């Protein structure tokens, strides 16, 4: 069984486009508009997502804050994080939070689907 994906981005149009691409690729997708909402989604998700696709620059709780809070919950530490960002400086941040991959915006759809397939935790 494939676990759902969690897409976290404050840009609604981009988030919805990514969700659609991933659904078209056969994945179940959950969405959140910022890190705080993403933590709430994780708290209620069963099964837990098999991967978090995370933007770094968001209001309320940014990607870095989300990753630190996520890693503070033992049941969530194994969930891979893929960072996607327009800023090249976030590549270093991606390493800091232990992200398994870093994608630059605009995201190449084929690379996105391939990256998700490589890193997604499965049941």
Protein backbone atom coordinates (compact mmCIF):
# COMPACT_ATOMS: atom_id res chain seq x y z
CA UNK A 1 0.00 0.00 0.00
CA UNK A 2 1.28 3.45 -0.88
CA UNK A 3 1.08 6.08 1.81
CA UNK A 4 -0.28 9.52 0.97
CA UNK A 5 1.95 12.49 0.22
CA UNK A 6 1.75 15.80 2.06
CA UNK A 7 2.33 18.92 -0.05
CA UNK A 8 3.03 22.05 2.02
CA UNK A 9 3.10 25.41 0.22
CA UNK A 10 1.42 28.75 0.87
CA UNK A 11 1.00 29.41 -2.87
CA UNK A 12 -2.45 27.88 -3.36
CA UNK A 13 -2.24 27.70 -7.16
CA UNK A 14 1.14 25.97 -7.09
CA UNK A 15 0.11 23.61 -4.29
CA UNK A 16 -3.05 22.59 -6.13
CA UNK A 17 -1.12 22.12 -9.40
CA UNK A 18 1.43 19.90 -7.65
CA UNK A 19 -1.35 17.95 -5.95
CA UNK A 20 -3.02 17.38 -9.33
CA UNK A 21 0.22 16.22 -10.97
CA UNK A 22 0.87 13.79 -8.13
CA UNK A 23 -2.72 12.47 -8.18
CA UNK A 24 -2.39 11.95 -11.94
CA UNK A 25 0.76 9.93 -11.19
CA UNK A 26 -1.33 7.67 -8.94
CA UNK A 27 -0.67 9.09 -5.47
CA UNK A 28 -3.08 10.07 -2.73
CA UNK A 29 -2.24 13.65 -1.78
CA UNK A 30 -2.90 15.80 1.28
CA UNK A 31 -2.25 19.55 1.27
CA UNK A 32 -1.40 22.27 3.78
CA UNK A 33 -0.91 26.02 3.31
CA UNK A 34 1.80 26.47 5.98
CA UNK A 35 3.84 24.52 8.51
CA UNK A 36 1.35 24.82 11.37
CA UNK A 37 -1.45 23.39 9.25
CA UNK A 38 0.92 20.64 8.05
CA UNK A 39 1.60 19.62 11.67
CA UNK A 40 -2.17 19.41 12.23
CA UNK A 41 -2.52 17.24 9.11
CA UNK A 42 0.24 14.93 10.36
CA UNK A 43 -1.41 14.68 13.77
CA UNK A 44 -4.65 13.46 12.21
CA UNK A 45 -3.37 11.43 9.27
CA UNK A 46 -3.82 7.66 9.26
CA UNK A 47 -1.82 6.24 7.70
CA UNK A 48 0.92 8.79 8.11
CA UNK A 49 2.20 10.36 4.91
CA UNK A 50 5.06 8.57 3.26
CA UNK A 51 6.71 11.83 2.20
CA UNK A 52 6.43 15.57 2.82
CA UNK A 53 7.00 17.91 -0.11
CA UNK A 54 7.91 21.14 1.68
CA UNK A 55 8.26 24.76 0.65
CA UNK A 56 10.60 26.75 2.89
CA UNK A 57 9.23 30.30 2.80
CA UNK A 58 5.69 30.40 4.26
CA UNK A 59 3.75 32.49 6.77
CA UNK A 60 2.65 31.23 10.21
CA UNK A 61 5.33 28.49 10.37
CA UNK A 62 8.03 28.26 7.70
CA UNK A 63 9.60 25.09 6.35
CA UNK A 64 12.53 25.14 8.75
CA UNK A 65 10.27 25.54 11.79
CA UNK A 66 7.97 22.81 10.51
CA UNK A 67 10.87 20.38 9.99
CA UNK A 68 12.21 20.99 13.49
CA UNK A 69 8.79 20.46 15.07
CA UNK A 70 8.14 17.41 12.89
CA UNK A 71 11.42 15.81 13.95
CA UNK A 72 10.52 16.35 17.61
CA UNK A 73 7.74 13.74 17.28
CA UNK A 74 9.26 10.23 17.29
CA UNK A 75 6.54 8.71 15.05
CA UNK A 76 7.22 11.33 12.39
CA UNK A 77 11.03 11.28 12.21
CA UNK A 78 11.19 8.57 9.53
CA UNK A 79 8.96 10.50 7.10
CA UNK A 80 11.20 11.76 4.27
CA UNK A 81 11.16 15.46 3.44
CA UNK A 82 11.71 16.79 -0.07
CA UNK A 83 12.36 20.53 -0.08
CA UNK A 84 11.27 22.63 -3.03
CA UNK A 85 12.16 26.29 -3.13
CA UNK A 86 12.96 29.15 -5.47
CA UNK A 87 15.96 30.14 -3.35
CA UNK A 88 19.31 28.50 -3.95
CA UNK A 89 20.31 29.32 -0.37
CA UNK A 90 17.67 26.87 0.86
CA UNK A 91 19.75 23.97 -0.42
CA UNK A 92 21.95 24.33 2.69
CA UNK A 93 18.83 24.51 4.86
CA UNK A 94 17.58 21.33 3.19
CA UNK A 95 20.72 19.54 4.36
CA UNK A 96 20.28 21.01 7.86
CA UNK A 97 16.78 19.55 8.21
CA UNK A 98 17.86 16.20 6.81
CA UNK A 99 15.87 16.46 3.59
CA UNK A 100 16.36 13.52 1.25
CA UNK A 101 16.14 15.74 -1.84
CA UNK A 102 16.06 19.38 -2.92
CA UNK A 103 14.15 20.65 -5.95
CA UNK A 104 14.35 24.18 -7.33
CA UNK A 105 11.22 26.08 -8.32
CA UNK A 106 9.89 26.06 -10.91
CA UNK A 107 9.70 22.32 -10.35
CA UNK A 108 10.13 20.04 -13.36
CA UNK A 109 7.10 17.72 -13.23
CA UNK A 110 8.98 14.63 -14.42
CA UNK A 111 11.77 15.20 -11.88
CA UNK A 112 9.17 15.73 -9.14
CA UNK A 113 7.35 12.46 -9.86
CA UNK A 114 10.66 10.58 -10.14
CA UNK A 115 11.94 12.06 -6.86
CA UNK A 116 8.72 11.17 -5.03
CA UNK A 117 8.90 7.62 -6.35
CA UNK A 118 12.49 7.24 -5.15
CA UNK A 119 11.92 8.47 -1.60
CA UNK A 120 8.31 7.63 -0.70
CA UNK A 121 7.90 5.34 2.33
CA UNK A 122 5.58 2.46 1.58
CA UNK A 123 3.59 0.23 3.93
